[in-house]
N, C-alpha and C. Protein backbone atom coordinates (compact mmCIF):
# COMPACT_ATOMS: atom_id res chain seq x y z
N MET A 1 -5.42 5.89 -11.14
CA MET A 1 -5.54 5.39 -9.77
C MET A 1 -5.76 3.89 -9.82
N THR A 2 -5.21 3.20 -8.87
CA THR A 2 -5.36 1.75 -8.77
C THR A 2 -6.81 1.43 -8.44
N PRO A 3 -7.42 0.50 -9.16
CA PRO A 3 -8.83 0.20 -8.93
C PRO A 3 -9.11 -0.44 -7.57
N ASP A 4 -8.19 -1.24 -7.04
CA ASP A 4 -8.40 -1.91 -5.75
C ASP A 4 -7.15 -1.74 -4.90
N PRO A 5 -6.93 -0.53 -4.32
CA PRO A 5 -5.68 -0.26 -3.61
C PRO A 5 -5.57 -1.04 -2.30
N VAL A 6 -4.34 -1.35 -1.93
CA VAL A 6 -4.06 -1.94 -0.63
C VAL A 6 -4.14 -0.81 0.38
N CYS A 7 -4.96 -0.99 1.41
CA CYS A 7 -5.18 0.06 2.41
C CYS A 7 -4.84 -0.45 3.81
N VAL A 8 -4.67 0.47 4.72
CA VAL A 8 -4.49 0.14 6.13
C VAL A 8 -5.46 0.96 6.95
N GLU A 9 -5.77 0.44 8.14
CA GLU A 9 -6.62 1.16 9.07
C GLU A 9 -5.75 1.73 10.18
N ALA A 10 -6.32 2.59 11.00
CA ALA A 10 -5.56 3.25 12.06
C ALA A 10 -4.99 2.24 13.06
N SER A 11 -5.60 1.08 13.18
CA SER A 11 -5.13 0.07 14.13
C SER A 11 -3.96 -0.76 13.59
N THR A 12 -3.60 -0.56 12.32
CA THR A 12 -2.50 -1.32 11.71
C THR A 12 -1.18 -0.89 12.34
N THR A 13 -0.36 -1.87 12.69
CA THR A 13 0.96 -1.54 13.27
C THR A 13 1.90 -1.07 12.17
N VAL A 14 2.94 -0.38 12.57
CA VAL A 14 3.95 0.08 11.61
C VAL A 14 4.60 -1.13 10.94
N GLU A 15 4.86 -2.17 11.72
CA GLU A 15 5.47 -3.38 11.17
C GLU A 15 4.58 -4.00 10.09
N ASP A 16 3.26 -4.07 10.35
CA ASP A 16 2.34 -4.62 9.35
C ASP A 16 2.28 -3.75 8.10
N ALA A 17 2.27 -2.45 8.30
CA ALA A 17 2.26 -1.53 7.15
C ALA A 17 3.54 -1.68 6.33
N MET A 18 4.68 -1.81 7.00
CA MET A 18 5.95 -2.00 6.29
C MET A 18 5.93 -3.32 5.52
N ARG A 19 5.36 -4.35 6.14
CA ARG A 19 5.27 -5.64 5.48
C ARG A 19 4.44 -5.54 4.19
N LYS A 20 3.31 -4.83 4.27
CA LYS A 20 2.44 -4.66 3.09
C LYS A 20 3.18 -3.92 1.97
N ILE A 21 3.87 -2.86 2.35
CA ILE A 21 4.61 -2.08 1.35
C ILE A 21 5.69 -2.94 0.69
N SER A 22 6.38 -3.74 1.50
CA SER A 22 7.44 -4.60 0.95
C SER A 22 6.87 -5.71 0.08
N GLU A 23 5.84 -6.39 0.58
CA GLU A 23 5.27 -7.51 -0.17
C GLU A 23 4.63 -7.07 -1.48
N LYS A 24 3.91 -5.96 -1.44
CA LYS A 24 3.19 -5.49 -2.63
C LYS A 24 4.05 -4.60 -3.52
N ARG A 25 5.26 -4.24 -2.99
CA ARG A 25 6.18 -3.38 -3.73
C ARG A 25 5.52 -2.06 -4.15
N ILE A 26 4.94 -1.42 -3.13
CA ILE A 26 4.27 -0.13 -3.34
C ILE A 26 4.95 0.93 -2.48
N ARG A 27 4.69 2.19 -2.79
CA ARG A 27 5.33 3.29 -2.05
C ARG A 27 4.37 4.01 -1.11
N HIS A 28 3.09 3.86 -1.35
CA HIS A 28 2.11 4.59 -0.53
C HIS A 28 0.97 3.67 -0.12
N LEU A 29 0.49 3.90 1.10
CA LEU A 29 -0.66 3.17 1.62
C LEU A 29 -1.74 4.17 2.01
N PRO A 30 -2.93 4.02 1.47
CA PRO A 30 -4.03 4.85 1.95
C PRO A 30 -4.41 4.43 3.37
N LEU A 31 -4.59 5.40 4.24
CA LEU A 31 -5.07 5.14 5.60
C LEU A 31 -6.56 5.45 5.59
N VAL A 32 -7.36 4.44 5.90
CA VAL A 32 -8.81 4.61 5.84
C VAL A 32 -9.44 4.36 7.19
N VAL A 33 -10.56 5.02 7.40
CA VAL A 33 -11.42 4.74 8.54
C VAL A 33 -12.77 4.38 7.92
N GLY A 34 -13.11 3.11 8.07
CA GLY A 34 -14.28 2.61 7.35
C GLY A 34 -13.97 2.62 5.87
N ASP A 35 -14.75 3.36 5.12
CA ASP A 35 -14.48 3.46 3.67
C ASP A 35 -14.01 4.86 3.28
N LYS A 36 -13.61 5.65 4.30
CA LYS A 36 -13.19 7.03 4.05
C LYS A 36 -11.67 7.17 4.14
N LEU A 37 -11.06 7.76 3.11
CA LEU A 37 -9.63 8.04 3.10
C LEU A 37 -9.35 9.19 4.06
N VAL A 38 -8.43 8.97 5.01
CA VAL A 38 -8.09 10.04 5.95
C VAL A 38 -6.65 10.52 5.81
N ASN A 39 -5.80 9.70 5.17
CA ASN A 39 -4.41 10.11 5.01
C ASN A 39 -3.71 9.14 4.06
N MET A 40 -2.52 9.51 3.65
CA MET A 40 -1.67 8.62 2.86
C MET A 40 -0.37 8.45 3.63
N ILE A 41 0.07 7.22 3.73
CA ILE A 41 1.32 6.91 4.43
C ILE A 41 2.33 6.47 3.39
N SER A 42 3.49 7.07 3.40
CA SER A 42 4.52 6.69 2.43
C SER A 42 5.52 5.72 3.06
N SER A 43 6.25 5.04 2.22
CA SER A 43 7.30 4.14 2.71
C SER A 43 8.35 4.96 3.48
N GLY A 44 8.58 6.19 3.04
CA GLY A 44 9.51 7.08 3.75
C GLY A 44 9.03 7.42 5.14
N ASP A 45 7.71 7.66 5.29
CA ASP A 45 7.14 7.93 6.62
C ASP A 45 7.40 6.76 7.56
N LEU A 46 7.15 5.56 7.05
CA LEU A 46 7.32 4.36 7.87
C LEU A 46 8.79 4.12 8.21
N THR A 47 9.66 4.34 7.24
CA THR A 47 11.09 4.16 7.48
C THR A 47 11.58 5.16 8.52
N ALA A 48 11.16 6.41 8.41
CA ALA A 48 11.57 7.43 9.39
C ALA A 48 11.08 7.06 10.78
N TRP A 49 9.85 6.55 10.89
CA TRP A 49 9.31 6.15 12.18
C TRP A 49 10.13 5.00 12.77
N MET A 50 10.46 4.02 11.93
CA MET A 50 11.24 2.88 12.40
C MET A 50 12.63 3.31 12.86
N VAL A 51 13.27 4.21 12.12
CA VAL A 51 14.61 4.68 12.50
C VAL A 51 14.53 5.41 13.84
N LYS A 52 13.53 6.25 14.02
CA LYS A 52 13.37 6.97 15.29
C LYS A 52 13.15 5.99 16.43
N SER A 53 12.32 5.00 16.20
CA SER A 53 12.04 3.98 17.21
C SER A 53 13.31 3.22 17.57
N GLN A 54 14.11 2.88 16.57
CA GLN A 54 15.38 2.17 16.82
C GLN A 54 16.34 3.04 17.63
N ARG A 55 16.39 4.33 17.30
CA ARG A 55 17.28 5.24 18.05
C ARG A 55 16.88 5.31 19.52
N VAL A 56 15.58 5.38 19.78
CA VAL A 56 15.09 5.43 21.15
C VAL A 56 15.47 4.14 21.88
N GLU A 57 15.30 3.01 21.23
CA GLU A 57 15.64 1.71 21.83
C GLU A 57 17.13 1.61 22.10
N ILE A 58 17.95 2.03 21.15
CA ILE A 58 19.40 1.99 21.32
C ILE A 58 19.82 2.90 22.48
N GLN A 59 19.23 4.07 22.58
CA GLN A 59 19.57 5.00 23.67
C GLN A 59 19.20 4.39 25.02
N SER A 60 18.04 3.73 25.08
CA SER A 60 17.59 3.10 26.31
C SER A 60 18.56 2.00 26.75
N VAL A 61 18.96 1.16 25.82
CA VAL A 61 19.91 0.08 26.14
C VAL A 61 21.26 0.68 26.54
N SER A 62 21.69 1.71 25.85
CA SER A 62 22.96 2.37 26.16
C SER A 62 22.92 2.96 27.58
N ASP A 63 21.82 3.60 27.93
CA ASP A 63 21.68 4.17 29.28
C ASP A 63 21.73 3.08 30.34
N LYS A 64 21.05 1.96 30.11
CA LYS A 64 21.05 0.85 31.07
C LYS A 64 22.46 0.28 31.22
N LEU A 65 23.17 0.16 30.11
CA LEU A 65 24.54 -0.36 30.14
C LEU A 65 25.45 0.58 30.91
N ARG A 66 25.28 1.87 30.69
CA ARG A 66 26.11 2.86 31.38
C ARG A 66 25.88 2.77 32.89
N VAL A 67 24.64 2.60 33.33
CA VAL A 67 24.33 2.47 34.76
C VAL A 67 24.97 1.20 35.32
N THR A 68 24.89 0.10 34.56
CA THR A 68 25.47 -1.16 35.01
C THR A 68 26.99 -1.05 35.15
N VAL A 69 27.64 -0.42 34.17
CA VAL A 69 29.10 -0.26 34.22
C VAL A 69 29.49 0.60 35.41
N THR A 70 28.77 1.69 35.64
CA THR A 70 29.06 2.57 36.77
C THR A 70 28.89 1.82 38.08
N ARG A 71 27.81 1.05 38.19
CA ARG A 71 27.55 0.28 39.41
C ARG A 71 28.67 -0.74 39.63
N ASN A 72 29.11 -1.38 38.56
CA ASN A 72 30.20 -2.36 38.68
C ASN A 72 31.50 -1.70 39.10
N LYS A 73 31.77 -0.50 38.60
CA LYS A 73 32.99 0.22 39.01
C LYS A 73 32.96 0.53 40.50
N VAL A 74 31.80 0.92 41.00
CA VAL A 74 31.66 1.23 42.43
C VAL A 74 31.90 -0.03 43.25
N ILE A 75 31.35 -1.15 42.82
CA ILE A 75 31.54 -2.42 43.54
C ILE A 75 33.01 -2.81 43.55
N ILE A 76 33.69 -2.64 42.43
CA ILE A 76 35.12 -2.97 42.35
C ILE A 76 35.93 -2.08 43.29
N VAL A 77 35.65 -0.79 43.31
CA VAL A 77 36.36 0.14 44.19
C VAL A 77 36.13 -0.24 45.65
N LEU A 78 34.89 -0.57 46.00
CA LEU A 78 34.60 -0.97 47.38
C LEU A 78 35.31 -2.27 47.74
N ALA A 79 35.38 -3.21 46.79
CA ALA A 79 36.07 -4.47 47.05
C ALA A 79 37.56 -4.23 47.26
N VAL A 80 38.15 -3.35 46.45
CA VAL A 80 39.59 -3.03 46.61
C VAL A 80 39.83 -2.38 47.96
N ILE A 81 38.97 -1.46 48.36
CA ILE A 81 39.11 -0.81 49.67
C ILE A 81 39.02 -1.85 50.78
N PHE A 82 38.07 -2.76 50.66
CA PHE A 82 37.90 -3.82 51.66
C PHE A 82 39.17 -4.67 51.76
N VAL A 83 39.73 -5.07 50.62
CA VAL A 83 40.95 -5.90 50.61
C VAL A 83 42.10 -5.12 51.22
N VAL A 84 42.26 -3.85 50.87
CA VAL A 84 43.35 -3.04 51.44
C VAL A 84 43.19 -2.92 52.94
N LEU A 85 41.97 -2.68 53.42
CA LEU A 85 41.75 -2.58 54.86
C LEU A 85 42.00 -3.91 55.55
N ALA A 86 41.65 -5.02 54.91
CA ALA A 86 41.89 -6.35 55.48
C ALA A 86 43.39 -6.61 55.59
N VAL A 87 44.13 -6.25 54.53
CA VAL A 87 45.59 -6.44 54.54
C VAL A 87 46.22 -5.57 55.63
N ILE A 88 45.79 -4.33 55.74
CA ILE A 88 46.30 -3.42 56.78
C ILE A 88 46.00 -4.01 58.16
N GLY A 89 44.81 -4.54 58.33
CA GLY A 89 44.42 -5.16 59.61
C GLY A 89 45.30 -6.35 59.94
N MET A 90 45.62 -7.17 58.94
CA MET A 90 46.48 -8.35 59.19
C MET A 90 47.91 -7.91 59.51
N LEU A 91 48.37 -6.85 58.85
CA LEU A 91 49.74 -6.39 59.08
C LEU A 91 49.91 -5.72 60.45
N THR A 92 48.85 -5.13 60.93
CA THR A 92 48.95 -4.42 62.22
C THR A 92 48.62 -5.33 63.40
N SER A 93 48.17 -6.54 63.14
CA SER A 93 47.84 -7.47 64.24
C SER A 93 49.07 -8.14 64.78
């Protein structure tokens, strides 16, 4: 066992934990509360969490984009209808 392990507390962010793992070139981080070990976090755990977080963010952006495209299509259709009605009005005057 490492005599002075790099540890994280429950308040440590995933980004900070990933940074520690990368900088220290380690695979596991003890999670401590005070001086008591409560869990071990692996680099795989952190990577899986980050991938899931990225997927959620990508889905959110994709959903917002889809709404914007749909809204723009509706505006274009309404504009075309308006132009057609204006042309019909000019032709019938």
